[in-house]
Amino acid sequence: MDNLWKDFGPPNVSHTIGRYPADCIPNSGGGQGCKLRCGIHNGSQMHINYNPTIYFGESGRVEGLPVVLGDWRNGCLACGSNLETYGFIKSGWECSFPFDGIFLVMFEYRMQ
């Protein structure tokens, strides 16, 4: 499983969009863990944590959003749009706002 995810998605686009750390290998056993950076919103770096055991129907909490009431949805939309534009996820994703944060949901990772 680790080797499958070693080269997940395209190469990192910049220091604000892509795998972090760049050479991380997700470990479903709770190893180092990887973040998928998805851009800057209102001056804050956003990311989701990704799970190498799920290929589609995934959900990930959009982390790093500034606490600005009413603006989390815009951050989530920017995050999802960036990940789709740069080829990390496929189209069909959406944003959901349950009681404990905003989530990018129903996305499918794009493998190389």
Protein backbone atom coordinates (compact mmCIF):
# COMPACT_ATOMS: atom_id res chain seq x y z
CA MET A 1 0.00 0.00 0.00
CA ASP A 2 2.75 2.48 0.88
CA ASN A 3 4.43 2.19 -2.53
CA LEU A 4 1.11 2.81 -4.29
CA TRP A 5 0.76 6.14 -2.51
CA LYS A 6 4.40 7.19 -2.75
CA ASP A 7 3.80 9.04 -6.02
CA PHE A 8 0.14 9.87 -5.43
CA GLY A 9 -1.10 12.67 -7.62
CA PRO A 10 1.07 14.94 -9.73
CA PRO A 11 4.34 16.40 -8.47
CA ASN A 12 3.83 19.21 -6.00
CA VAL A 13 2.70 22.36 -7.76
CA SER A 14 4.22 24.79 -5.29
CA HIS A 15 4.89 25.05 -1.61
CA THR A 16 1.16 25.77 -1.11
CA ILE A 17 -0.41 22.95 -3.17
CA GLY A 18 0.68 19.33 -2.98
CA ARG A 19 1.81 16.57 -0.64
CA TYR A 20 3.47 17.68 2.57
CA PRO A 21 6.08 16.76 3.26
CA ALA A 22 6.75 16.33 -0.45
CA ASP A 23 8.33 12.89 -0.03
CA CYS A 24 5.86 11.56 2.54
CA ILE A 25 4.52 8.05 2.25
CA PRO A 26 1.15 7.64 3.96
CA ASN A 27 1.03 4.81 6.42
CA SER A 28 -2.34 3.30 7.17
CA GLY A 29 -0.85 1.99 10.41
CA GLY A 30 -0.60 5.49 11.86
CA GLY A 31 2.90 6.33 10.62
CA GLN A 32 4.20 9.77 9.76
CA GLY A 33 0.97 10.88 8.11
CA CYS A 34 0.71 13.15 5.12
CA LYS A 35 -1.06 16.37 4.43
CA LEU A 36 -2.39 17.44 1.08
CA ARG A 37 -1.96 21.20 0.94
CA CYS A 38 -4.68 22.90 -1.04
CA GLY A 39 -3.75 26.57 -1.19
CA ILE A 40 -3.94 29.78 0.79
CA HIS A 41 -7.20 31.36 1.93
CA ASN A 42 -7.31 34.68 3.77
CA GLY A 43 -3.59 34.37 4.43
CA SER A 44 -3.76 30.86 5.94
CA GLN A 45 -2.37 27.62 4.48
CA MET A 46 -5.15 25.04 4.06
CA HIS A 47 -4.75 21.26 3.95
CA ILE A 48 -6.56 17.97 4.37
CA ASN A 49 -5.10 14.80 5.82
CA TYR A 50 -5.44 11.88 3.45
CA ASN A 51 -6.12 8.26 4.13
CA PRO A 52 -4.41 5.73 1.87
CA THR A 53 -7.01 3.02 2.47
CA ILE A 54 -9.90 4.81 0.76
CA TYR A 55 -10.02 5.65 -2.94
CA PHE A 56 -13.39 7.35 -3.32
CA GLY A 57 -16.25 8.62 -1.21
CA GLU A 58 -13.53 10.13 0.93
CA SER A 59 -14.04 13.06 3.21
CA GLY A 60 -11.42 15.29 4.71
CA ARG A 61 -11.73 18.16 7.12
CA VAL A 62 -10.29 21.33 5.64
CA GLU A 63 -7.70 22.39 8.19
CA GLY A 64 -5.92 25.70 8.58
CA LEU A 65 -8.87 27.95 7.86
CA PRO A 66 -8.86 31.21 9.77
CA VAL A 67 -11.71 31.61 12.21
CA VAL A 68 -13.79 34.06 10.19
CA LEU A 69 -17.49 33.46 10.63
CA GLY A 70 -19.19 32.64 7.35
CA ASP A 71 -16.02 32.25 5.30
CA TRP A 72 -15.19 28.57 5.82
CA ARG A 73 -17.32 27.55 2.85
CA ASN A 74 -15.31 29.85 0.57
CA GLY A 75 -12.11 28.29 1.90
CA CYS A 76 -13.42 24.78 1.29
CA LEU A 77 -14.49 25.67 -2.24
CA ALA A 78 -11.04 27.12 -2.95
CA CYS A 79 -9.37 24.01 -1.48
CA GLY A 80 -11.41 21.59 -3.59
CA SER A 81 -11.05 23.70 -6.71
CA ASN A 82 -7.26 23.87 -6.33
CA LEU A 83 -6.96 20.12 -5.78
CA GLU A 84 -9.10 19.40 -8.82
CA THR A 85 -7.38 21.99 -11.04
CA TYR A 86 -3.94 20.61 -10.26
CA GLY A 87 -4.97 16.97 -10.65
CA PHE A 88 -4.97 15.62 -7.09
CA ILE A 89 -8.69 14.80 -7.00
CA LYS A 90 -11.35 14.14 -9.61
CA SER A 91 -14.44 16.28 -10.14
CA GLY A 92 -17.64 15.54 -8.24
CA TRP A 93 -16.53 16.74 -4.79
CA GLU A 94 -18.55 19.07 -2.59
CA CYS A 95 -18.27 20.91 0.70
CA SER A 96 -20.23 19.91 3.78
CA PHE A 97 -20.58 21.86 7.00
CA PRO A 98 -21.49 19.58 9.89
CA PHE A 99 -21.24 20.76 13.48
CA ASP A 100 -17.47 20.21 13.83
CA GLY A 101 -15.88 22.05 10.89
CA ILE A 102 -16.10 22.13 7.13
CA PHE A 103 -15.31 19.06 5.09
CA LEU A 104 -14.42 18.35 1.51
CA VAL A 105 -16.57 15.28 0.81
CA MET A 106 -17.30 12.71 -1.86
CA PHE A 107 -14.05 13.19 -3.68
CA GLU A 108 -11.95 10.62 -5.47
CA TYR A 109 -8.16 10.76 -5.50
CA ARG A 110 -6.51 10.82 -8.90
CA MET A 111 -3.69 8.30 -9.20
CA GLN A 112 -0.84 8.71 -11.71
